Amino acid sequence: MKRQTDLTKRRAVDLCRVAACLCRMR
């Protein structure tokens, strides 16, 4: 279960980074 939460957290961080990059490009 802990591993699942870690993966979810990592994915959330990746999404945040992508969103920030998109916002900067705009």
C-alpha atoms as a PDB file:
ATOM      1  CA  MET A   1       0.000   0.000   0.000  1.00  0.00           C
ATOM      2  CA  LYS A   2       2.808   2.411   0.848  1.00  0.00           C
ATOM      3  CA  ARG A   3       4.369   1.826  -2.555  1.00  0.00           C
ATOM      4  CA  GLN A   4       1.055   2.719  -4.235  1.00  0.00           C
ATOM      5  CA  THR A   5       0.865   6.046  -2.374  1.00  0.00           C
ATOM      6  CA  ASP A   6       4.479   6.779  -3.332  1.00  0.00           C
ATOM      7  CA  LEU A   7       3.670   6.219  -7.004  1.00  0.00           C
ATOM      8  CA  THR A   8       0.593   8.427  -6.767  1.00  0.00           C
ATOM      9  CA  LYS A   9       2.595  11.174  -5.071  1.00  0.00           C
ATOM     10  CA  ARG A  10       5.288  10.976  -7.732  1.00  0.00           C
ATOM     11  CA  ARG A  11       2.683  11.147 -10.497  1.00  0.00           C
ATOM     12  CA  ALA A  12       1.052  14.171  -8.833  1.00  0.00           C
ATOM     13  CA  VAL A  13       4.427  15.933  -8.632  1.00  0.00           C
ATOM     14  CA  ASP A  14       5.090  15.166 -12.306  1.00  0.00           C
ATOM     15  CA  LEU A  15       1.676  16.583 -13.251  1.00  0.00           C
ATOM     16  CA  CYS A  16       2.397  19.723 -11.216  1.00  0.00           C
ATOM     17  CA  ARG A  17       5.737  20.166 -12.982  1.00  0.00           C
ATOM     18  CA  VAL A  18       4.142  19.740 -16.413  1.00  0.00           C
ATOM     19  CA  ALA A  19       1.399  22.227 -15.509  1.00  0.00           C
ATOM     20  CA  ALA A  20       4.016  24.744 -14.340  1.00  0.00           C
ATOM     21  CA  CYS A  21       5.971  24.314 -17.597  1.00  0.00           C
ATOM     22  CA  LEU A  22       2.797  24.855 -19.649  1.00  0.00           C
ATOM     23  CA  CYS A  23       1.921  27.951 -17.618  1.00  0.00           C
ATOM     24  CA  ARG A  24       5.429  29.352 -18.175  1.00  0.00           C
ATOM     25  CA  MET A  25       5.289  28.721 -21.935  1.00  0.00           C
ATOM     26  CA  ARG A  26       2.003  30.634 -22.115  1.00  0.00           C
END
